Amino acid sequence: MAADSADVSYTLPLFPLRHVLFPQFLLRLHVFEERYKVMIGDCIAREEAFGVVLIRSGEEVGDPAVPHQIGCRARILEIEPLEDGQMNLLAVGEGRFRLLDWREADLPYLIGRAEPMEDAPAQPEVLSPLADRLLRVFSRYLGLLAGRAGLPLPEMDLPEDPTLLAFCIASVIPLSALDKQRLLEMTDAPERLRREIRLLRRMVAEVESLPAGGQAEPEPEDSSARTLVARPMSQDPERWQRYRHDGRN
C-alpha cells in the first residue's frame, strides 16, 4: 500500500489533459482557453502549483472533463505572454497526488481536494538490479531505432535514482496515455521497473521483426504531442537549482 508523505489533504486547481506528467519532468503548454488563463493567473498570484490529470472522459476544450484519480502537481517556471491573454507556459512536475474529490464550484475551472501519494518503501538491493536491466533494454531499444534511421546512438544523461529513471523512461517511450497513467499510479517501485522492462522488450522485439530497411510506424499525432514536452530537469542545471531554491510547497 502507498505511503503518504503527509497526513493532510489540500486543494489545488486542476488542468485535465490528454497527457501524463511525471515528477521532475517538464511540461510545455500553450494556454488559450479563457478558464485556464484565469486559472494560471490565479496560480501566479498565489504562487501555487496546479494539478495535471489525465482526462478519463470528455475533452480538453469545452465542458469540464472527468479526470483520473492520480495526477502530478506542476510548478510554474516560466510564462511567455502572448496576444489576447494567451500564453506559453513552462512548468515542472512535483509530487504525485490522489484526488479525494473534485468540483467546479464558483470558479470557471476544476478544483480538487487531494492527498500526497508516494511509493511504498523498497530495498535498494531490489531496485538497483532492476534499474540496470531497464537501462540495458532501453539502450538496446534506442540503439535499434538509431540503427534503422542510420543515425548515431544519442547521448543519454539519465537519472541514477531507480524511481526517477523509471519516470524518465516512461516519459519518453512511445506508450499510450493510459499505459503511462498506469505507471504513474503504481506505488510498487520494483513492479513499475519490471513492467517497463516488459514493455520495452516487446518494443525491441517489434523493431527487430521489421524487414531490412523497414521502419516502425510513426505514433499517431494528437493535440498534446504538438505542445507538450517532458524531459529530465537535470538537462538544465541552472534552472533546476533556481527551481529548487525558489520553489514553494
C-alpha atoms as a PDB file:
ATOM      1  CA  MET A   1       0.000   0.000   0.000  1.00  0.00           C
ATOM      2  CA  ALA A   2       1.200   3.525  -0.781  1.00  0.00           C
ATOM      3  CA  ALA A   3       2.870   5.535   1.938  1.00  0.00           C
ATOM      4  CA  ASP A   4       1.578   9.096   2.106  1.00  0.00           C
ATOM      5  CA  SER A   5       4.166  11.818   2.585  1.00  0.00           C
ATOM      6  CA  ALA A   6       1.711  13.755   4.740  1.00  0.00           C
ATOM      7  CA  ASP A   7      -1.463  13.026   6.669  1.00  0.00           C
ATOM      8  CA  VAL A   8      -3.315  16.109   5.487  1.00  0.00           C
ATOM      9  CA  SER A   9      -5.256  16.857   2.336  1.00  0.00           C
ATOM     10  CA  TYR A  10      -5.004  20.063   0.331  1.00  0.00           C
ATOM     11  CA  THR A  11      -6.805  21.760  -2.542  1.00  0.00           C
ATOM     12  CA  LEU A  12      -5.384  22.692  -5.929  1.00  0.00           C
ATOM     13  CA  PRO A  13      -6.716  23.778  -9.328  1.00  0.00           C
ATOM     14  CA  LEU A  14      -6.847  21.010 -11.915  1.00  0.00           C
ATOM     15  CA  PHE A  15      -5.746  21.076 -15.567  1.00  0.00           C
ATOM     16  CA  PRO A  16      -7.188  17.974 -17.304  1.00  0.00           C
ATOM     17  CA  LEU A  17      -5.087  16.996 -20.333  1.00  0.00           C
ATOM     18  CA  ARG A  18      -4.595  14.080 -22.699  1.00  0.00           C
ATOM     19  CA  HIS A  19      -1.069  13.874 -21.361  1.00  0.00           C
ATOM     20  CA  VAL A  20       0.559  12.303 -18.301  1.00  0.00           C
ATOM     21  CA  LEU A  21       3.089  14.375 -16.368  1.00  0.00           C
ATOM     22  CA  PHE A  22       5.705  12.609 -14.232  1.00  0.00           C
ATOM     23  CA  PRO A  23       7.537  14.081 -11.218  1.00  0.00           C
ATOM     24  CA  GLN A  24      10.608  16.208 -12.057  1.00  0.00           C
ATOM     25  CA  PHE A  25       9.868  16.362 -15.782  1.00  0.00           C
ATOM     26  CA  LEU A  26       8.963  19.406 -17.820  1.00  0.00           C
ATOM     27  CA  LEU A  27       5.598  20.396 -19.209  1.00  0.00           C
ATOM     28  CA  ARG A  28       5.143  22.907 -22.015  1.00  0.00           C
ATOM     29  CA  LEU A  29       1.654  24.260 -22.649  1.00  0.00           C
ATOM     30  CA  HIS A  30       0.057  26.812 -24.930  1.00  0.00           C
ATOM     31  CA  VAL A  31      -2.743  28.247 -22.794  1.00  0.00           C
ATOM     32  CA  PHE A  32      -5.548  29.791 -24.835  1.00  0.00           C
ATOM     33  CA  GLU A  33      -8.873  28.815 -23.236  1.00  0.00           C
ATOM     34  CA  GLU A  34     -10.347  31.528 -21.007  1.00  0.00           C
ATOM     35  CA  ARG A  35     -10.860  29.359 -17.917  1.00  0.00           C
ATOM     36  CA  TYR A  36      -7.236  28.201 -17.951  1.00  0.00           C
ATOM     37  CA  LYS A  37      -5.948  31.723 -18.488  1.00  0.00           C
ATOM     38  CA  VAL A  38      -7.837  32.610 -15.296  1.00  0.00           C
ATOM     39  CA  MET A  39      -6.516  29.522 -13.515  1.00  0.00           C
ATOM     40  CA  ILE A  40      -2.882  30.188 -14.396  1.00  0.00           C
ATOM     41  CA  GLY A  41      -3.296  33.837 -13.404  1.00  0.00           C
ATOM     42  CA  ASP A  42      -4.621  32.711 -10.017  1.00  0.00           C
ATOM     43  CA  CYS A  43      -1.707  30.274  -9.586  1.00  0.00           C
ATOM     44  CA  ILE A  44       0.813  33.016 -10.363  1.00  0.00           C
ATOM     45  CA  ALA A  45      -0.849  35.480  -7.985  1.00  0.00           C
ATOM     46  CA  ARG A  46      -0.896  32.925  -5.156  1.00  0.00           C
ATOM     47  CA  GLU A  47       2.467  31.351  -6.046  1.00  0.00           C
ATOM     48  CA  GLU A  48       0.742  27.959  -6.099  1.00  0.00           C
ATOM     49  CA  ALA A  49       1.059  24.809  -8.164  1.00  0.00           C
ATOM     50  CA  PHE A  50      -1.723  23.257 -10.221  1.00  0.00           C
ATOM     51  CA  GLY A  51      -2.588  19.621 -10.781  1.00  0.00           C
ATOM     52  CA  VAL A  52      -2.158  17.870 -14.135  1.00  0.00           C
ATOM     53  CA  VAL A  53      -4.609  14.989 -14.514  1.00  0.00           C
ATOM     54  CA  LEU A  54      -5.223  12.691 -17.451  1.00  0.00           C
ATOM     55  CA  ILE A  55      -8.724  13.004 -18.895  1.00  0.00           C
ATOM     56  CA  ARG A  56     -10.865   9.949 -18.191  1.00  0.00           C
ATOM     57  CA  SER A  57     -13.781  11.207 -20.284  1.00  0.00           C
ATOM     58  CA  GLY A  58     -14.528  14.469 -22.061  1.00  0.00           C
ATOM     59  CA  GLU A  59     -12.294  16.848 -23.975  1.00  0.00           C
ATOM     60  CA  GLU A  60      -9.548  19.364 -23.212  1.00  0.00           C
ATOM     61  CA  VAL A  61     -11.694  22.173 -24.649  1.00  0.00           C
ATOM     62  CA  GLY A  62     -15.334  22.787 -23.759  1.00  0.00           C
ATOM     63  CA  ASP A  63     -17.257  21.378 -20.811  1.00  0.00           C
ATOM     64  CA  PRO A  64     -15.156  20.268 -17.803  1.00  0.00           C
ATOM     65  CA  ALA A  65     -13.632  16.821 -18.358  1.00  0.00           C
ATOM     66  CA  VAL A  66     -13.745  13.941 -15.885  1.00  0.00           C
ATOM     67  CA  PRO A  67     -10.190  13.346 -14.594  1.00  0.00           C
ATOM     68  CA  HIS A  68      -8.357  10.223 -13.484  1.00  0.00           C
ATOM     69  CA  GLN A  69      -7.825   9.985  -9.734  1.00  0.00           C
ATOM     70  CA  ILE A  70      -3.995  10.098  -9.746  1.00  0.00           C
ATOM     71  CA  GLY A  71      -2.155  13.139 -11.074  1.00  0.00           C
ATOM     72  CA  CYS A  72       1.018  15.198 -10.676  1.00  0.00           C
ATOM     73  CA  ARG A  73       1.469  18.703  -9.292  1.00  0.00           C
ATOM     74  CA  ALA A  74       3.010  21.177 -11.731  1.00  0.00           C
ATOM     75  CA  ARG A  75       5.028  24.191 -10.544  1.00  0.00           C
ATOM     76  CA  ILE A  76       5.185  27.118 -12.990  1.00  0.00           C
ATOM     77  CA  LEU A  77       8.732  28.048 -14.008  1.00  0.00           C
ATOM     78  CA  GLU A  78       8.272  30.474 -16.910  1.00  0.00           C
ATOM     79  CA  ILE A  79       5.467  32.336 -18.671  1.00  0.00           C
ATOM     80  CA  GLU A  80       5.627  33.889 -22.136  1.00  0.00           C
ATOM     81  CA  PRO A  81       2.686  36.320 -22.507  1.00  0.00           C
ATOM     82  CA  LEU A  82       1.013  36.381 -25.925  1.00  0.00           C
ATOM     83  CA  GLU A  83      -1.795  38.345 -27.548  1.00  0.00           C
ATOM     84  CA  ASP A  84      -5.345  38.232 -26.145  1.00  0.00           C
ATOM     85  CA  GLY A  85      -4.115  36.962 -22.781  1.00  0.00           C
ATOM     86  CA  GLN A  86      -2.843  33.707 -24.235  1.00  0.00           C
ATOM     87  CA  MET A  87       0.494  32.401 -23.004  1.00  0.00           C
ATOM     88  CA  ASN A  88       3.159  29.767 -23.398  1.00  0.00           C
ATOM     89  CA  LEU A  89       3.880  28.077 -20.097  1.00  0.00           C
ATOM     90  CA  LEU A  90       6.780  26.011 -18.804  1.00  0.00           C
ATOM     91  CA  ALA A  91       6.202  24.005 -15.623  1.00  0.00           C
ATOM     92  CA  VAL A  92       7.871  21.119 -13.818  1.00  0.00           C
ATOM     93  CA  GLY A  93       6.252  18.070 -12.266  1.00  0.00           C
ATOM     94  CA  GLU A  94       6.460  17.827  -8.491  1.00  0.00           C
ATOM     95  CA  GLY A  95       4.921  15.076  -6.376  1.00  0.00           C
ATOM     96  CA  ARG A  96       2.042  12.806  -7.276  1.00  0.00           C
ATOM     97  CA  PHE A  97      -1.363  13.180  -5.663  1.00  0.00           C
ATOM     98  CA  ARG A  98      -4.552  11.186  -5.244  1.00  0.00           C
ATOM     99  CA  LEU A  99      -7.836  13.048  -5.802  1.00  0.00           C
ATOM    100  CA  LEU A 100     -10.304  12.623  -2.960  1.00  0.00           C
ATOM    101  CA  ASP A 101     -12.953  14.676  -4.749  1.00  0.00           C
ATOM    102  CA  TRP A 102     -13.224  17.475  -7.282  1.00  0.00           C
ATOM    103  CA  ARG A 103     -15.729  20.147  -8.235  1.00  0.00           C
ATOM    104  CA  GLU A 104     -16.260  23.174 -10.441  1.00  0.00           C
ATOM    105  CA  ALA A 105     -17.706  25.333  -7.627  1.00  0.00           C
ATOM    106  CA  ASP A 106     -17.943  29.075  -8.402  1.00  0.00           C
ATOM    107  CA  LEU A 107     -14.764  29.117 -10.488  1.00  0.00           C
ATOM    108  CA  PRO A 108     -14.514  28.529 -14.245  1.00  0.00           C
ATOM    109  CA  TYR A 109     -12.053  25.670 -13.675  1.00  0.00           C
ATOM    110  CA  LEU A 110     -11.964  22.482 -11.620  1.00  0.00           C
ATOM    111  CA  ILE A 111     -10.765  22.410  -8.018  1.00  0.00           C
ATOM    112  CA  GLY A 112      -9.614  19.159  -6.445  1.00  0.00           C
ATOM    113  CA  ARG A 113      -9.104  18.024  -2.879  1.00  0.00           C
ATOM    114  CA  ALA A 114      -6.073  15.776  -2.886  1.00  0.00           C
ATOM    115  CA  GLU A 115      -3.628  13.905  -0.702  1.00  0.00           C
ATOM    116  CA  PRO A 116       0.075  13.245  -1.425  1.00  0.00           C
ATOM    117  CA  MET A 117       0.987   9.848  -2.823  1.00  0.00           C
ATOM    118  CA  GLU A 118       4.378   8.108  -2.604  1.00  0.00           C
ATOM    119  CA  ASP A 119       5.793   4.699  -3.419  1.00  0.00           C
ATOM    120  CA  ALA A 120       5.837   2.023  -0.770  1.00  0.00           C
ATOM    121  CA  PRO A 121       9.330   1.509   0.723  1.00  0.00           C
ATOM    122  CA  ALA A 122      11.611  -0.748  -1.340  1.00  0.00           C
ATOM    123  CA  GLN A 123      15.082  -2.115  -0.692  1.00  0.00           C
ATOM    124  CA  PRO A 124      17.969  -0.677  -2.771  1.00  0.00           C
ATOM    125  CA  GLU A 125      19.283  -4.206  -3.380  1.00  0.00           C
ATOM    126  CA  VAL A 126      15.996  -4.968  -5.141  1.00  0.00           C
ATOM    127  CA  LEU A 127      15.728  -1.699  -7.070  1.00  0.00           C
ATOM    128  CA  SER A 128      19.304  -1.399  -8.356  1.00  0.00           C
ATOM    129  CA  PRO A 129      19.451  -4.648 -10.408  1.00  0.00           C
ATOM    130  CA  LEU A 130      16.035  -3.875 -11.918  1.00  0.00           C
ATOM    131  CA  ALA A 131      17.151  -0.352 -12.819  1.00  0.00           C
ATOM    132  CA  ASP A 132      20.261  -1.792 -14.502  1.00  0.00           C
ATOM    133  CA  ARG A 133      18.118  -4.193 -16.534  1.00  0.00           C
ATOM    134  CA  LEU A 134      15.759  -1.383 -17.529  1.00  0.00           C
ATOM    135  CA  LEU A 135      18.663   0.793 -18.624  1.00  0.00           C
ATOM    136  CA  ARG A 136      20.144  -2.022 -20.738  1.00  0.00           C
ATOM    137  CA  VAL A 137      16.903  -2.783 -22.578  1.00  0.00           C
ATOM    138  CA  PHE A 138      16.198   0.931 -23.056  1.00  0.00           C
ATOM    139  CA  SER A 139      19.668   1.392 -24.558  1.00  0.00           C
ATOM    140  CA  ARG A 140      19.037  -1.615 -26.803  1.00  0.00           C
ATOM    141  CA  TYR A 141      15.753  -0.095 -27.977  1.00  0.00           C
ATOM    142  CA  LEU A 142      17.341   3.287 -28.727  1.00  0.00           C
ATOM    143  CA  GLY A 143      20.225   1.584 -30.499  1.00  0.00           C
ATOM    144  CA  LEU A 144      17.851  -0.321 -32.773  1.00  0.00           C
ATOM    145  CA  LEU A 145      15.893   2.818 -33.634  1.00  0.00           C
ATOM    146  CA  ALA A 146      19.073   4.769 -34.317  1.00  0.00           C
ATOM    147  CA  GLY A 147      20.406   1.956 -36.496  1.00  0.00           C
ATOM    148  CA  ARG A 148      17.202   1.804 -38.526  1.00  0.00           C
ATOM    149  CA  ALA A 149      17.360   5.555 -39.059  1.00  0.00           C
ATOM    150  CA  GLY A 150      21.084   5.499 -39.911  1.00  0.00           C
ATOM    151  CA  LEU A 151      21.869   7.825 -37.008  1.00  0.00           C
ATOM    152  CA  PRO A 152      24.371   7.549 -34.155  1.00  0.00           C
ATOM    153  CA  LEU A 153      23.025   6.473 -30.782  1.00  0.00           C
ATOM    154  CA  PRO A 154      22.095   9.676 -28.920  1.00  0.00           C
ATOM    155  CA  GLU A 155      23.910  10.536 -25.731  1.00  0.00           C
ATOM    156  CA  MET A 156      21.909   9.777 -22.619  1.00  0.00           C
ATOM    157  CA  ASP A 157      22.107  11.607 -19.313  1.00  0.00           C
ATOM    158  CA  LEU A 158      19.641   9.600 -17.257  1.00  0.00           C
ATOM    159  CA  PRO A 159      18.840   9.760 -13.526  1.00  0.00           C
ATOM    160  CA  GLU A 160      20.690   7.325 -11.280  1.00  0.00           C
ATOM    161  CA  ASP A 161      17.802   7.044  -8.840  1.00  0.00           C
ATOM    162  CA  PRO A 162      15.721   3.970  -9.887  1.00  0.00           C
ATOM    163  CA  THR A 163      12.384   5.703  -9.330  1.00  0.00           C
ATOM    164  CA  LEU A 164      13.370   8.772 -11.343  1.00  0.00           C
ATOM    165  CA  LEU A 165      14.863   6.524 -14.030  1.00  0.00           C
ATOM    166  CA  ALA A 166      11.526   4.740 -14.364  1.00  0.00           C
ATOM    167  CA  PHE A 167       9.671   8.055 -14.565  1.00  0.00           C
ATOM    168  CA  CYS A 168      12.184   9.358 -17.119  1.00  0.00           C
ATOM    169  CA  ILE A 169      11.859   6.371 -19.433  1.00  0.00           C
ATOM    170  CA  ALA A 170       8.076   6.323 -19.039  1.00  0.00           C
ATOM    171  CA  SER A 171       8.053   9.969 -20.141  1.00  0.00           C
ATOM    172  CA  VAL A 172       9.929   9.409 -23.399  1.00  0.00           C
ATOM    173  CA  ILE A 173       8.996   5.975 -24.757  1.00  0.00           C
ATOM    174  CA  PRO A 174       6.009   5.768 -27.147  1.00  0.00           C
ATOM    175  CA  LEU A 175       3.316   4.446 -24.836  1.00  0.00           C
ATOM    176  CA  SER A 176      -0.359   5.303 -24.868  1.00  0.00           C
ATOM    177  CA  ALA A 177      -1.541   7.845 -22.326  1.00  0.00           C
ATOM    178  CA  LEU A 178      -3.364   5.073 -20.451  1.00  0.00           C
ATOM    179  CA  ASP A 179      -0.184   2.980 -20.211  1.00  0.00           C
ATOM    180  CA  LYS A 180       1.690   5.998 -18.867  1.00  0.00           C
ATOM    181  CA  GLN A 181      -1.132   6.644 -16.419  1.00  0.00           C
ATOM    182  CA  ARG A 182      -0.871   3.077 -15.094  1.00  0.00           C
ATOM    183  CA  LEU A 183       2.848   3.592 -14.487  1.00  0.00           C
ATOM    184  CA  LEU A 184       2.174   6.896 -12.715  1.00  0.00           C
ATOM    185  CA  GLU A 185      -0.422   5.233 -10.477  1.00  0.00           C
ATOM    186  CA  MET A 186       1.796   2.352  -9.366  1.00  0.00           C
ATOM    187  CA  THR A 187       3.168   2.562  -5.836  1.00  0.00           C
ATOM    188  CA  ASP A 188       5.263  -0.615  -6.065  1.00  0.00           C
ATOM    189  CA  ALA A 189       8.575   0.719  -7.433  1.00  0.00           C
ATOM    190  CA  PRO A 190      10.091  -2.697  -8.274  1.00  0.00           C
ATOM    191  CA  GLU A 191       6.946  -3.725 -10.141  1.00  0.00           C
ATOM    192  CA  ARG A 192       6.980  -0.438 -12.089  1.00  0.00           C
ATOM    193  CA  LEU A 193      10.532  -1.206 -13.205  1.00  0.00           C
ATOM    194  CA  ARG A 194       9.543  -4.767 -14.157  1.00  0.00           C
ATOM    195  CA  ARG A 195       6.563  -3.536 -16.155  1.00  0.00           C
ATOM    196  CA  GLU A 196       8.707  -1.078 -18.096  1.00  0.00           C
ATOM    197  CA  ILE A 197      11.237  -3.816 -18.799  1.00  0.00           C
ATOM    198  CA  ARG A 198       8.447  -5.984 -20.231  1.00  0.00           C
ATOM    199  CA  LEU A 199       7.065  -3.125 -22.313  1.00  0.00           C
ATOM    200  CA  LEU A 200      10.493  -2.251 -23.712  1.00  0.00           C
ATOM    201  CA  ARG A 201      11.316  -5.879 -24.502  1.00  0.00           C
ATOM    202  CA  ARG A 202       8.109  -6.013 -26.529  1.00  0.00           C
ATOM    203  CA  MET A 203       9.136  -2.845 -28.370  1.00  0.00           C
ATOM    204  CA  VAL A 204      12.595  -4.276 -29.042  1.00  0.00           C
ATOM    205  CA  ALA A 205      11.023  -7.425 -30.485  1.00  0.00           C
ATOM    206  CA  GLU A 206       8.744  -5.347 -32.716  1.00  0.00           C
ATOM    207  CA  VAL A 207      11.658  -3.342 -34.119  1.00  0.00           C
ATOM    208  CA  GLU A 208      13.766  -6.483 -34.600  1.00  0.00           C
ATOM    209  CA  SER A 209      10.928  -8.134 -36.519  1.00  0.00           C
ATOM    210  CA  LEU A 210      10.809  -5.392 -39.132  1.00  0.00           C
ATOM    211  CA  PRO A 211      12.199  -6.368 -42.543  1.00  0.00           C
ATOM    212  CA  ALA A 212      15.562  -4.944 -43.542  1.00  0.00           C
ATOM    213  CA  GLY A 213      15.136  -1.308 -44.441  1.00  0.00           C
ATOM    214  CA  GLY A 214      11.748  -1.227 -42.743  1.00  0.00           C
ATOM    215  CA  GLN A 215      10.758   1.451 -40.313  1.00  0.00           C
ATOM    216  CA  ALA A 216       8.434   1.398 -37.372  1.00  0.00           C
ATOM    217  CA  GLU A 217       5.063   3.042 -37.910  1.00  0.00           C
ATOM    218  CA  PRO A 218       5.040   6.583 -36.507  1.00  0.00           C
ATOM    219  CA  GLU A 219       2.897   7.278 -33.492  1.00  0.00           C
ATOM    220  CA  PRO A 220      -0.410   8.995 -34.364  1.00  0.00           C
ATOM    221  CA  GLU A 221      -0.256  12.694 -33.617  1.00  0.00           C
ATOM    222  CA  ASP A 222      -2.658  14.176 -31.109  1.00  0.00           C
ATOM    223  CA  SER A 223      -3.191  17.690 -29.820  1.00  0.00           C
ATOM    224  CA  SER A 224      -0.904  17.198 -26.814  1.00  0.00           C
ATOM    225  CA  ALA A 225       2.015  15.975 -28.929  1.00  0.00           C
ATOM    226  CA  ARG A 226       2.285  19.410 -30.531  1.00  0.00           C
ATOM    227  CA  THR A 227       2.564  21.364 -27.298  1.00  0.00           C
ATOM    228  CA  LEU A 228       3.783  19.060 -24.521  1.00  0.00           C
ATOM    229  CA  VAL A 229       7.354  18.023 -23.856  1.00  0.00           C
ATOM    230  CA  ALA A 230       8.728  16.089 -20.884  1.00  0.00           C
ATOM    231  CA  ARG A 231      12.435  15.810 -20.171  1.00  0.00           C
ATOM    232  CA  PRO A 232      14.641  15.460 -17.087  1.00  0.00           C
ATOM    233  CA  MET A 233      15.201  18.674 -15.175  1.00  0.00           C
ATOM    234  CA  SER A 234      18.899  17.779 -14.988  1.00  0.00           C
ATOM    235  CA  GLN A 235      19.274  18.843 -18.622  1.00  0.00           C
ATOM    236  CA  ASP A 236      19.254  22.453 -17.405  1.00  0.00           C
ATOM    237  CA  PRO A 237      21.178  22.545 -14.109  1.00  0.00           C
ATOM    238  CA  GLU A 238      20.842  26.316 -13.617  1.00  0.00           C
ATOM    239  CA  ARG A 239      17.068  26.249 -13.996  1.00  0.00           C
ATOM    240  CA  TRP A 240      16.854  23.200 -11.756  1.00  0.00           C
ATOM    241  CA  GLN A 241      18.862  24.887  -8.999  1.00  0.00           C
ATOM    242  CA  ARG A 242      16.733  28.017  -9.353  1.00  0.00           C
ATOM    243  CA  TYR A 243      13.583  25.898  -9.113  1.00  0.00           C
ATOM    244  CA  ARG A 244      14.847  24.071  -6.035  1.00  0.00           C
ATOM    245  CA  HIS A 245      15.829  27.369  -4.400  1.00  0.00           C
ATOM    246  CA  ASP A 246      12.646  29.301  -5.234  1.00  0.00           C
ATOM    247  CA  GLY A 247      10.053  26.536  -5.198  1.00  0.00           C
ATOM    248  CA  ARG A 248       7.411  26.605  -2.506  1.00  0.00           C
ATOM    249  CA  ASN A 249       5.091  23.802  -1.390  1.00  0.00           C
END
